[in-house]
Protein backbone atom coordinates (compact mmCIF):
# COMPACT_ATOMS: atom_id res chain seq x y z
CA MET A 1 0.00 0.00 0.00
CA THR A 2 1.41 3.39 -0.98
CA GLU A 3 1.70 6.39 1.33
CA VAL A 4 -1.04 8.14 -0.65
CA GLN A 5 -3.47 5.24 -0.14
CA LYS A 6 -2.63 5.19 3.58
CA LYS A 7 -3.44 8.91 3.90
CA GLU A 8 -6.71 8.42 2.01
CA GLU A 9 -7.66 5.42 4.20
CA LYS A 10 -6.83 7.18 7.47
CA GLY A 11 -9.19 9.99 6.49
CA LEU A 12 -6.50 12.65 6.44
CA SER A 13 -7.68 13.86 3.06
CA GLN A 14 -10.90 15.81 2.60
CA TRP A 15 -12.86 17.19 -0.35
CA PHE A 16 -12.84 20.93 -0.94
CA ALA A 17 -14.70 23.07 -3.47
CA ILE A 18 -12.67 25.70 -5.29
CA HIS A 19 -14.23 28.60 -7.12
CA THR A 20 -13.04 29.29 -10.67
CA TYR A 21 -13.78 31.71 -13.46
CA ALA A 22 -17.02 30.69 -15.18
CA GLY A 23 -16.40 28.41 -18.16
CA TYR A 24 -12.82 27.56 -17.12
CA GLU A 25 -13.58 24.55 -14.91
CA ASP A 26 -11.99 21.98 -17.23
CA ALA A 27 -8.98 24.23 -17.84
CA VAL A 28 -8.49 24.73 -14.09
CA ALA A 29 -8.66 20.97 -13.50
CA ARG A 30 -6.06 20.45 -16.24
CA TYR A 31 -3.77 23.23 -14.90
CA LEU A 32 -4.04 21.91 -11.36
CA LYS A 33 -3.20 18.33 -12.42
CA GLN A 34 -0.14 19.64 -14.27
CA ARG A 35 0.96 21.67 -11.24
CA VAL A 36 0.47 18.71 -8.90
CA ASP A 37 2.65 16.54 -11.16
CA SER A 38 5.36 19.15 -11.76
CA LEU A 39 5.59 20.19 -8.09
CA GLU A 40 5.39 16.56 -6.91
CA MET A 41 2.32 17.15 -4.71
CA ASN A 42 0.74 13.74 -5.47
CA ASP A 43 1.09 12.81 -1.80
CA LYS A 44 -1.10 15.77 -0.71
CA ILE A 45 -3.48 16.44 -3.62
CA PHE A 46 -5.18 13.23 -4.73
CA LYS A 47 -8.18 13.81 -7.00
CA ILE A 48 -9.42 16.75 -9.06
CA ILE A 49 -12.86 16.57 -10.67
CA VAL A 50 -15.29 18.81 -12.47
CA PRO A 51 -18.75 17.54 -11.40
CA LYS A 52 -20.74 16.68 -14.56
CA GLU A 53 -23.84 14.66 -15.40
CA LYS A 54 -25.22 13.38 -18.69
CA LYS A 55 -28.36 14.98 -20.10
CA ILE A 56 -30.38 14.41 -23.25
CA THR A 57 -31.34 17.37 -25.45
CA ILE A 58 -32.66 17.83 -28.97
CA ARG A 59 -30.46 19.49 -31.58
CA SER A 60 -31.52 19.70 -35.22
CA GLY A 61 -34.41 17.36 -34.50
CA LYS A 62 -32.17 14.62 -33.08
CA ARG A 63 -31.51 13.43 -29.55
CA VAL A 64 -28.04 14.29 -28.34
CA THR A 65 -26.46 13.26 -25.04
CA ILE A 66 -24.37 16.03 -23.52
CA GLU A 67 -22.33 16.37 -20.35
CA ASP A 68 -23.56 19.29 -18.30
CA LYS A 69 -21.73 20.80 -15.33
CA ILE A 70 -23.57 20.23 -12.06
CA TYR A 71 -21.93 23.23 -10.37
CA PRO A 72 -20.72 25.73 -12.98
CA GLY A 73 -17.75 27.71 -11.72
CA TYR A 74 -16.56 25.05 -9.24
CA VAL A 75 -14.00 22.25 -9.18
CA LEU A 76 -13.72 19.65 -6.42
CA VAL A 77 -10.34 18.66 -5.00
CA GLN A 78 -9.52 15.81 -2.62
CA MET A 79 -6.45 16.80 -0.62
CA THR A 80 -4.81 17.08 2.77
CA MET A 81 -5.02 20.70 3.85
CA GLU A 82 -1.49 21.89 4.51
CA PRO A 83 0.09 25.29 3.76
CA ASP A 84 1.98 24.06 0.69
CA SER A 85 -0.98 22.16 -0.81
CA TRP A 86 -3.25 25.16 -0.10
CA TYR A 87 -0.74 27.41 -1.87
CA VAL A 88 -0.54 25.16 -4.97
CA VAL A 89 -4.34 25.08 -5.38
CA ARG A 90 -4.92 28.74 -4.49
CA ASN A 91 -2.28 30.00 -6.94
CA THR A 92 -3.41 27.93 -9.92
CA PRO A 93 -4.39 30.17 -12.86
CA ARG A 94 -8.11 31.08 -12.98
CA VAL A 95 -8.78 29.90 -9.41
CA THR A 96 -10.46 32.64 -7.38
CA GLY A 97 -10.35 30.81 -4.05
CA PHE A 98 -11.64 28.05 -1.83
CA VAL A 99 -15.27 27.91 -0.78
CA GLY A 100 -15.69 28.68 2.90
CA ALA A 101 -15.97 31.52 5.38
CA ASP A 102 -12.20 31.91 5.75
CA SER A 103 -10.03 31.77 2.62
CA THR A 104 -6.94 30.57 4.54
CA ASN A 105 -8.88 27.85 6.37
CA PRO A 106 -11.52 26.56 3.91
CA THR A 107 -14.51 24.45 4.91
CA PRO A 108 -14.35 20.84 3.68
CA LEU A 109 -17.38 19.21 2.08
CA SER A 110 -19.27 16.72 4.22
CA PHE A 111 -19.02 12.99 3.48
CA GLU A 112 -22.76 12.92 2.64
CA GLU A 113 -22.40 15.76 0.11
CA VAL A 114 -19.52 14.02 -1.65
CA GLU A 115 -21.28 10.63 -1.68
CA SER A 116 -24.45 12.18 -3.11
CA LEU A 117 -22.51 14.04 -5.80
CA MET A 118 -20.46 10.98 -6.79
CA ALA A 119 -23.65 8.91 -7.08
CA ARG A 120 -25.18 11.60 -9.29
CA MET A 121 -22.08 11.68 -11.49
CA GLY A 122 -21.75 7.90 -11.50
CA SER A 123 -25.00 7.25 -13.34
CA HIS A 124 -23.57 6.28 -16.71
CA GLU A 125 -26.79 6.44 -18.66
CA ALA A 126 -28.66 9.68 -19.19
CA LYS A 127 -32.23 9.32 -18.06
CA LEU A 128 -35.44 10.89 -19.24
CA GLU A 129 -38.00 11.80 -16.65
CA PHE A 130 -41.58 12.03 -17.81
CA ASP A 131 -43.60 14.66 -16.06
CA VAL A 132 -46.68 14.38 -18.30
CA LYS A 133 -49.63 12.04 -18.05
CA VAL A 134 -52.38 11.00 -20.44
CA GLY A 135 -55.03 13.72 -20.68
CA GLU A 136 -52.77 16.66 -19.76
CA THR A 137 -52.47 19.69 -22.02
CA VAL A 138 -49.02 20.38 -23.44
CA ARG A 139 -47.40 22.88 -25.81
CA ILE A 140 -45.22 21.64 -28.66
CA ILE A 141 -41.91 23.51 -28.53
CA ASP A 142 -40.05 21.95 -31.48
CA GLY A 143 -40.80 20.55 -34.93
CA PRO A 144 -43.41 21.28 -37.60
CA PHE A 145 -46.23 21.72 -35.03
CA LYS A 146 -44.24 24.20 -32.91
CA ASP A 147 -46.42 26.48 -30.71
CA TYR A 148 -49.49 24.22 -31.05
CA ASP A 149 -51.28 23.04 -27.92
CA GLY A 150 -52.67 19.55 -27.59
CA LYS A 151 -53.69 16.77 -25.19
CA VAL A 152 -51.46 13.82 -24.39
CA ALA A 153 -53.06 10.61 -25.71
CA GLU A 154 -50.24 8.11 -25.10
CA VAL A 155 -46.89 7.98 -23.26
CA ASP A 156 -44.20 5.49 -24.32
CA GLU A 157 -41.50 5.79 -21.65
CA ALA A 158 -39.35 3.01 -23.13
CA ARG A 159 -38.89 4.88 -26.43
CA GLY A 160 -39.15 8.38 -24.98
CA ARG A 161 -42.09 9.22 -27.24
CA VAL A 162 -45.43 10.93 -26.59
CA LYS A 163 -48.54 10.89 -28.78
CA VAL A 164 -50.34 14.25 -28.68
CA MET A 165 -53.76 15.06 -30.16
CA VAL A 166 -53.43 18.42 -31.95
CA PRO A 167 -56.44 20.27 -33.39
CA VAL A 168 -55.78 20.82 -37.13
CA PHE A 169 -58.61 22.23 -39.30
CA GLY A 170 -61.13 21.54 -36.53
CA ARG A 171 -60.16 17.87 -36.10
CA ASP A 172 -57.84 16.19 -33.62
CA THR A 173 -54.77 14.79 -35.33
CA ALA A 174 -52.42 12.36 -33.59
CA VAL A 175 -48.80 13.55 -33.64
CA GLU A 176 -46.00 11.38 -32.27
CA LEU A 177 -43.28 13.49 -30.71
CA ASP A 178 -40.12 13.07 -28.71
CA SER A 179 -40.70 13.82 -25.03
CA LEU A 180 -38.23 16.70 -25.28
CA GLN A 181 -40.38 18.41 -27.94
CA ILE A 182 -43.20 19.20 -25.53
CA LYS A 183 -43.67 21.40 -22.49
CA LYS A 184 -46.31 20.96 -19.83
CA LEU A 185 -48.74 23.87 -19.51
């Protein structure tokens, strides 16, 4: 067992949130990893992550899975808080500081917060949540029937599709849509 693993097992390391310039989270994580390697701080700074989760959106009429930042402007670091490790993190380009009441003595994240966040990030498959039921009125927000209102006739959770009855020329017409193409009224 290495010295690093011993420190992690003994609970000497804690997770801290660092604030970064907006949009530079990945760059800060990359810079910090380079600094840790070049300054040989691997025994004090263990893990650096940008919390992300997978989401499904529609672009050009097609479903696309994207990675979205859970906390924009923040990077999480697992480390032992010592003056030299604090200095390395604090003086990384585009880092504005640690999260906490006192910038020289930052507040670590609780075990529950970290576990919850890791579980949220660990879900490998992006999930769709249906918040519509048969009979509800919805507005179509994408596609050829954009801005039409209609009633939900069928919900197919397995395929992520919804059948909506849209009034066209005084008659209800069934339109099958992706669940991301509608919005609940």
